């Protein structure tokens, strides 16, 4: 297993050999001078692309903070607009959301960012995510194996007394949990 500190040192050595250190240091200050900007940068490095809405939801950031961080990263050339999302039917207008991507983001990462954006707009999905997160928290607290019965998911949905139909939310929560590596027994 490699040592993260050694990996960081080696990466910086290679970086400083290729570019002027003043330029690199200036960009690093711009990225890591703000906790929010460094969080957004890290998220984009891990996922390749995202919208401001997804960043707000996933990183629990306010709208101005998310946009300020994206603007900072765009101004130093770390990210660029990859796609403008078309208006949703029956929307009242306003600016069209943008998928922002790092330089080497793949088309699949951009498509995943778009899919995630539409999911995060769905009230049903947000409810299902809340249910799934509650279940994940319980699993981690108890140290139980990473598996659950579908009936337990249904029970958790019923506890929240959602206005949505229980099976709809349970199915979305099941999908979310499965993506997180949880085995679902039916």
C-alpha atoms as a PDB file:
ATOM      1  CA  UNK A   1       0.000   0.000   0.000  1.00  0.00           C
ATOM      2  CA  UNK A   2       1.341   3.403  -0.937  1.00  0.00           C
ATOM      3  CA  UNK A   3       1.800   6.289   1.470  1.00  0.00           C
ATOM      4  CA  UNK A   4      -0.453   9.274   0.598  1.00  0.00           C
ATOM      5  CA  UNK A   5       2.165  11.790   1.733  1.00  0.00           C
ATOM      6  CA  UNK A   6       4.811  10.222  -0.515  1.00  0.00           C
ATOM      7  CA  UNK A   7       2.349  10.174  -3.415  1.00  0.00           C
ATOM      8  CA  UNK A   8       1.584  13.875  -2.893  1.00  0.00           C
ATOM      9  CA  UNK A   9       5.291  14.757  -2.773  1.00  0.00           C
ATOM     10  CA  UNK A  10       5.990  12.775  -5.952  1.00  0.00           C
ATOM     11  CA  UNK A  11       3.061  14.398  -7.745  1.00  0.00           C
ATOM     12  CA  UNK A  12       4.250  17.880  -6.778  1.00  0.00           C
ATOM     13  CA  UNK A  13       7.828  17.127  -7.792  1.00  0.00           C
ATOM     14  CA  UNK A  14       6.634  16.032 -11.218  1.00  0.00           C
ATOM     15  CA  UNK A  15       4.360  19.060 -11.487  1.00  0.00           C
ATOM     16  CA  UNK A  16       7.085  21.541 -10.521  1.00  0.00           C
ATOM     17  CA  UNK A  17       9.494  19.978 -13.028  1.00  0.00           C
ATOM     18  CA  UNK A  18       6.986  20.591 -15.851  1.00  0.00           C
ATOM     19  CA  UNK A  19       5.763  24.108 -14.977  1.00  0.00           C
ATOM     20  CA  UNK A  20       6.938  27.282 -13.269  1.00  0.00           C
ATOM     21  CA  UNK A  21       6.445  27.009  -9.539  1.00  0.00           C
ATOM     22  CA  UNK A  22       4.895  30.515  -9.303  1.00  0.00           C
ATOM     23  CA  UNK A  23       2.135  29.528 -11.746  1.00  0.00           C
ATOM     24  CA  UNK A  24       1.437  26.263  -9.910  1.00  0.00           C
ATOM     25  CA  UNK A  25       1.410  27.944  -6.492  1.00  0.00           C
ATOM     26  CA  UNK A  26      -0.976  30.638  -7.728  1.00  0.00           C
ATOM     27  CA  UNK A  27      -3.438  28.026  -9.022  1.00  0.00           C
ATOM     28  CA  UNK A  28      -3.149  25.963  -5.835  1.00  0.00           C
ATOM     29  CA  UNK A  29      -3.899  29.039  -3.708  1.00  0.00           C
ATOM     30  CA  UNK A  30      -6.940  29.742  -5.875  1.00  0.00           C
ATOM     31  CA  UNK A  31      -8.225  26.185  -5.436  1.00  0.00           C
ATOM     32  CA  UNK A  32      -7.301  25.460  -1.832  1.00  0.00           C
ATOM     33  CA  UNK A  33      -7.608  28.987  -0.402  1.00  0.00           C
ATOM     34  CA  UNK A  34     -11.286  28.317   0.218  1.00  0.00           C
ATOM     35  CA  UNK A  35     -12.733  25.205   1.861  1.00  0.00           C
ATOM     36  CA  UNK A  36     -15.768  25.302  -0.426  1.00  0.00           C
ATOM     37  CA  UNK A  37     -13.718  25.630  -3.615  1.00  0.00           C
ATOM     38  CA  UNK A  38     -11.431  22.792  -2.561  1.00  0.00           C
ATOM     39  CA  UNK A  39     -14.485  20.604  -1.808  1.00  0.00           C
ATOM     40  CA  UNK A  40     -15.976  21.329  -5.237  1.00  0.00           C
ATOM     41  CA  UNK A  41     -12.612  20.702  -6.905  1.00  0.00           C
ATOM     42  CA  UNK A  42     -12.283  17.363  -5.095  1.00  0.00           C
ATOM     43  CA  UNK A  43     -15.835  16.381  -6.039  1.00  0.00           C
ATOM     44  CA  UNK A  44     -15.148  17.197  -9.695  1.00  0.00           C
ATOM     45  CA  UNK A  45     -11.851  15.303  -9.648  1.00  0.00           C
ATOM     46  CA  UNK A  46     -13.684  12.237  -8.326  1.00  0.00           C
ATOM     47  CA  UNK A  47     -16.751  12.497 -10.584  1.00  0.00           C
ATOM     48  CA  UNK A  48     -15.451  14.343 -13.646  1.00  0.00           C
ATOM     49  CA  UNK A  49     -18.520  16.555 -14.054  1.00  0.00           C
ATOM     50  CA  UNK A  50     -21.454  18.027 -12.148  1.00  0.00           C
ATOM     51  CA  UNK A  51     -24.058  20.760 -12.086  1.00  0.00           C
ATOM     52  CA  UNK A  52     -24.311  23.455  -9.445  1.00  0.00           C
ATOM     53  CA  UNK A  53     -27.529  21.863  -8.153  1.00  0.00           C
ATOM     54  CA  UNK A  54     -25.884  18.471  -7.612  1.00  0.00           C
ATOM     55  CA  UNK A  55     -22.956  20.131  -5.857  1.00  0.00           C
ATOM     56  CA  UNK A  56     -25.373  22.008  -3.580  1.00  0.00           C
ATOM     57  CA  UNK A  57     -27.195  18.787  -2.699  1.00  0.00           C
ATOM     58  CA  UNK A  58     -24.254  16.396  -2.440  1.00  0.00           C
ATOM     59  CA  UNK A  59     -21.902  18.764  -0.603  1.00  0.00           C
ATOM     60  CA  UNK A  60     -24.676  20.466   1.384  1.00  0.00           C
ATOM     61  CA  UNK A  61     -23.635  23.905   0.153  1.00  0.00           C
ATOM     62  CA  UNK A  62     -25.647  27.049  -0.231  1.00  0.00           C
ATOM     63  CA  UNK A  63     -26.420  28.174  -3.773  1.00  0.00           C
ATOM     64  CA  UNK A  64     -24.155  31.265  -3.662  1.00  0.00           C
ATOM     65  CA  UNK A  65     -21.250  29.224  -2.268  1.00  0.00           C
ATOM     66  CA  UNK A  66     -21.589  26.560  -4.967  1.00  0.00           C
ATOM     67  CA  UNK A  67     -21.740  29.138  -7.761  1.00  0.00           C
ATOM     68  CA  UNK A  68     -18.852  31.156  -6.294  1.00  0.00           C
ATOM     69  CA  UNK A  69     -16.695  28.008  -6.137  1.00  0.00           C
ATOM     70  CA  UNK A  70     -17.577  26.997  -9.706  1.00  0.00           C
ATOM     71  CA  UNK A  71     -16.829  30.537 -10.907  1.00  0.00           C
ATOM     72  CA  UNK A  72     -13.443  30.441  -9.149  1.00  0.00           C
ATOM     73  CA  UNK A  73     -12.547  27.097 -10.727  1.00  0.00           C
ATOM     74  CA  UNK A  74     -13.713  28.290 -14.144  1.00  0.00           C
ATOM     75  CA  UNK A  75     -11.709  31.527 -13.888  1.00  0.00           C
ATOM     76  CA  UNK A  76      -8.456  29.641 -13.336  1.00  0.00           C
ATOM     77  CA  UNK A  77      -9.206  27.180 -16.134  1.00  0.00           C
ATOM     78  CA  UNK A  78      -9.765  24.063 -14.032  1.00  0.00           C
ATOM     79  CA  UNK A  79     -13.306  23.466 -15.339  1.00  0.00           C
ATOM     80  CA  UNK A  80     -15.284  24.359 -18.427  1.00  0.00           C
ATOM     81  CA  UNK A  81     -18.879  24.146 -19.541  1.00  0.00           C
ATOM     82  CA  UNK A  82     -19.505  20.693 -21.002  1.00  0.00           C
ATOM     83  CA  UNK A  83     -23.233  20.920 -21.646  1.00  0.00           C
ATOM     84  CA  UNK A  84     -26.156  23.317 -21.240  1.00  0.00           C
ATOM     85  CA  UNK A  85     -29.230  21.468 -20.009  1.00  0.00           C
ATOM     86  CA  UNK A  86     -32.353  22.142 -22.030  1.00  0.00           C
ATOM     87  CA  UNK A  87     -35.384  23.634 -20.330  1.00  0.00           C
ATOM     88  CA  UNK A  88     -37.712  21.260 -18.565  1.00  0.00           C
ATOM     89  CA  UNK A  89     -41.237  21.219 -19.990  1.00  0.00           C
ATOM     90  CA  UNK A  90     -43.607  23.570 -18.183  1.00  0.00           C
ATOM     91  CA  UNK A  91     -40.729  25.440 -16.547  1.00  0.00           C
ATOM     92  CA  UNK A  92     -41.154  29.146 -15.946  1.00  0.00           C
ATOM     93  CA  UNK A  93     -37.855  30.080 -17.535  1.00  0.00           C
ATOM     94  CA  UNK A  94     -34.739  31.268 -15.850  1.00  0.00           C
ATOM     95  CA  UNK A  95     -31.162  30.325 -16.642  1.00  0.00           C
ATOM     96  CA  UNK A  96     -30.489  26.880 -18.049  1.00  0.00           C
ATOM     97  CA  UNK A  97     -28.335  24.688 -15.794  1.00  0.00           C
ATOM     98  CA  UNK A  98     -24.821  23.861 -16.959  1.00  0.00           C
ATOM     99  CA  UNK A  99     -22.851  20.661 -16.577  1.00  0.00           C
ATOM    100  CA  UNK A 100     -19.348  21.704 -15.526  1.00  0.00           C
ATOM    101  CA  UNK A 101     -16.474  19.322 -16.214  1.00  0.00           C
ATOM    102  CA  UNK A 102     -12.767  19.024 -15.607  1.00  0.00           C
ATOM    103  CA  UNK A 103     -10.550  18.859 -18.682  1.00  0.00           C
ATOM    104  CA  UNK A 104     -10.341  15.084 -19.057  1.00  0.00           C
ATOM    105  CA  UNK A 105     -13.938  14.245 -18.123  1.00  0.00           C
ATOM    106  CA  UNK A 106     -15.334  11.405 -20.194  1.00  0.00           C
ATOM    107  CA  UNK A 107     -18.672  11.577 -22.027  1.00  0.00           C
ATOM    108  CA  UNK A 108     -19.936   8.965 -19.541  1.00  0.00           C
ATOM    109  CA  UNK A 109     -19.068  11.251 -16.607  1.00  0.00           C
ATOM    110  CA  UNK A 110     -20.926  14.139 -18.255  1.00  0.00           C
ATOM    111  CA  UNK A 111     -23.934  11.874 -18.904  1.00  0.00           C
ATOM    112  CA  UNK A 112     -23.843  10.655 -15.286  1.00  0.00           C
ATOM    113  CA  UNK A 113     -23.776  14.284 -14.065  1.00  0.00           C
ATOM    114  CA  UNK A 114     -26.856  15.002 -16.184  1.00  0.00           C
ATOM    115  CA  UNK A 115     -28.655  11.896 -14.851  1.00  0.00           C
ATOM    116  CA  UNK A 116     -27.763  12.853 -11.288  1.00  0.00           C
ATOM    117  CA  UNK A 117     -29.027  16.415 -11.867  1.00  0.00           C
ATOM    118  CA  UNK A 118     -32.451  15.176 -12.962  1.00  0.00           C
ATOM    119  CA  UNK A 119     -32.572  12.728 -10.041  1.00  0.00           C
ATOM    120  CA  UNK A 120     -31.796  15.465  -7.550  1.00  0.00           C
ATOM    121  CA  UNK A 121     -34.649  17.573  -8.937  1.00  0.00           C
ATOM    122  CA  UNK A 122     -37.138  14.782  -8.215  1.00  0.00           C
ATOM    123  CA  UNK A 123     -38.937  15.072  -4.856  1.00  0.00           C
ATOM    124  CA  UNK A 124     -39.480  11.292  -4.896  1.00  0.00           C
ATOM    125  CA  UNK A 125     -35.769  10.672  -5.355  1.00  0.00           C
ATOM    126  CA  UNK A 126     -34.872  13.084  -2.562  1.00  0.00           C
ATOM    127  CA  UNK A 127     -37.282  11.256  -0.240  1.00  0.00           C
ATOM    128  CA  UNK A 128     -35.825   7.894  -1.270  1.00  0.00           C
ATOM    129  CA  UNK A 129     -32.313   9.205  -0.688  1.00  0.00           C
ATOM    130  CA  UNK A 130     -33.343  10.304   2.821  1.00  0.00           C
ATOM    131  CA  UNK A 131     -34.753   6.824   3.525  1.00  0.00           C
ATOM    132  CA  UNK A 132     -31.632   5.140   2.164  1.00  0.00           C
ATOM    133  CA  UNK A 133     -29.313   7.394   4.162  1.00  0.00           C
ATOM    134  CA  UNK A 134     -31.239   6.618   7.356  1.00  0.00           C
ATOM    135  CA  UNK A 135     -30.813   2.906   6.631  1.00  0.00           C
ATOM    136  CA  UNK A 136     -27.106   3.342   5.854  1.00  0.00           C
ATOM    137  CA  UNK A 137     -26.616   5.218   9.123  1.00  0.00           C
ATOM    138  CA  UNK A 138     -28.313   2.392  11.054  1.00  0.00           C
ATOM    139  CA  UNK A 139     -26.172  -0.234   9.303  1.00  0.00           C
ATOM    140  CA  UNK A 140     -22.974   1.640  10.143  1.00  0.00           C
ATOM    141  CA  UNK A 141     -24.033   2.262  13.767  1.00  0.00           C
ATOM    142  CA  UNK A 142     -24.847  -1.371  14.436  1.00  0.00           C
ATOM    143  CA  UNK A 143     -21.957  -2.789  12.433  1.00  0.00           C
ATOM    144  CA  UNK A 144     -24.332  -5.225  10.759  1.00  0.00           C
ATOM    145  CA  UNK A 145     -23.391  -6.802   7.421  1.00  0.00           C
ATOM    146  CA  UNK A 146     -24.071  -4.676   4.367  1.00  0.00           C
ATOM    147  CA  UNK A 147     -27.437  -6.237   3.580  1.00  0.00           C
ATOM    148  CA  UNK A 148     -31.096  -5.553   4.290  1.00  0.00           C
ATOM    149  CA  UNK A 149     -34.535  -6.998   3.566  1.00  0.00           C
ATOM    150  CA  UNK A 150     -36.835  -5.147   1.184  1.00  0.00           C
ATOM    151  CA  UNK A 151     -39.541  -5.270   3.875  1.00  0.00           C
ATOM    152  CA  UNK A 152     -37.237  -3.261   6.182  1.00  0.00           C
ATOM    153  CA  UNK A 153     -36.970  -0.588   3.496  1.00  0.00           C
ATOM    154  CA  UNK A 154     -40.762  -0.544   3.175  1.00  0.00           C
ATOM    155  CA  UNK A 155     -41.066  -0.145   6.960  1.00  0.00           C
ATOM    156  CA  UNK A 156     -38.628   2.777   6.924  1.00  0.00           C
ATOM    157  CA  UNK A 157     -40.623   4.495   4.161  1.00  0.00           C
ATOM    158  CA  UNK A 158     -43.871   4.010   6.097  1.00  0.00           C
ATOM    159  CA  UNK A 159     -42.288   5.588   9.206  1.00  0.00           C
ATOM    160  CA  UNK A 160     -41.690   8.804   7.271  1.00  0.00           C
ATOM    161  CA  UNK A 161     -45.372   9.052   6.314  1.00  0.00           C
ATOM    162  CA  UNK A 162     -44.592  10.362   2.849  1.00  0.00           C
ATOM    163  CA  UNK A 163     -47.283  11.652   0.505  1.00  0.00           C
ATOM    164  CA  UNK A 164     -45.743   9.476  -2.224  1.00  0.00           C
ATOM    165  CA  UNK A 165     -46.688   5.834  -2.675  1.00  0.00           C
ATOM    166  CA  UNK A 166     -44.597   3.569  -0.471  1.00  0.00           C
ATOM    167  CA  UNK A 167     -43.460   1.133  -3.224  1.00  0.00           C
ATOM    168  CA  UNK A 168     -42.229   4.010  -5.434  1.00  0.00           C
ATOM    169  CA  UNK A 169     -40.018   5.404  -2.683  1.00  0.00           C
ATOM    170  CA  UNK A 170     -38.916   1.928  -1.561  1.00  0.00           C
ATOM    171  CA  UNK A 171     -37.869   1.000  -5.119  1.00  0.00           C
ATOM    172  CA  UNK A 172     -35.849   4.191  -5.516  1.00  0.00           C
ATOM    173  CA  UNK A 173     -34.265   3.679  -2.076  1.00  0.00           C
ATOM    174  CA  UNK A 174     -33.448   0.084  -3.040  1.00  0.00           C
ATOM    175  CA  UNK A 175     -31.697   1.286  -6.186  1.00  0.00           C
ATOM    176  CA  UNK A 176     -29.750   3.885  -4.192  1.00  0.00           C
ATOM    177  CA  UNK A 177     -28.694   1.322  -1.572  1.00  0.00           C
ATOM    178  CA  UNK A 178     -27.682  -1.157  -4.262  1.00  0.00           C
ATOM    179  CA  UNK A 179     -25.463   1.524  -5.857  1.00  0.00           C
ATOM    180  CA  UNK A 180     -23.825   1.961  -2.425  1.00  0.00           C
ATOM    181  CA  UNK A 181     -23.000  -1.751  -2.274  1.00  0.00           C
ATOM    182  CA  UNK A 182     -25.824  -2.916  -0.007  1.00  0.00           C
ATOM    183  CA  UNK A 183     -27.323  -6.360  -0.720  1.00  0.00           C
ATOM    184  CA  UNK A 184     -31.135  -6.269  -0.817  1.00  0.00           C
ATOM    185  CA  UNK A 185     -33.063  -9.444   0.000  1.00  0.00           C
ATOM    186  CA  UNK A 186     -36.541  -9.660  -1.522  1.00  0.00           C
END
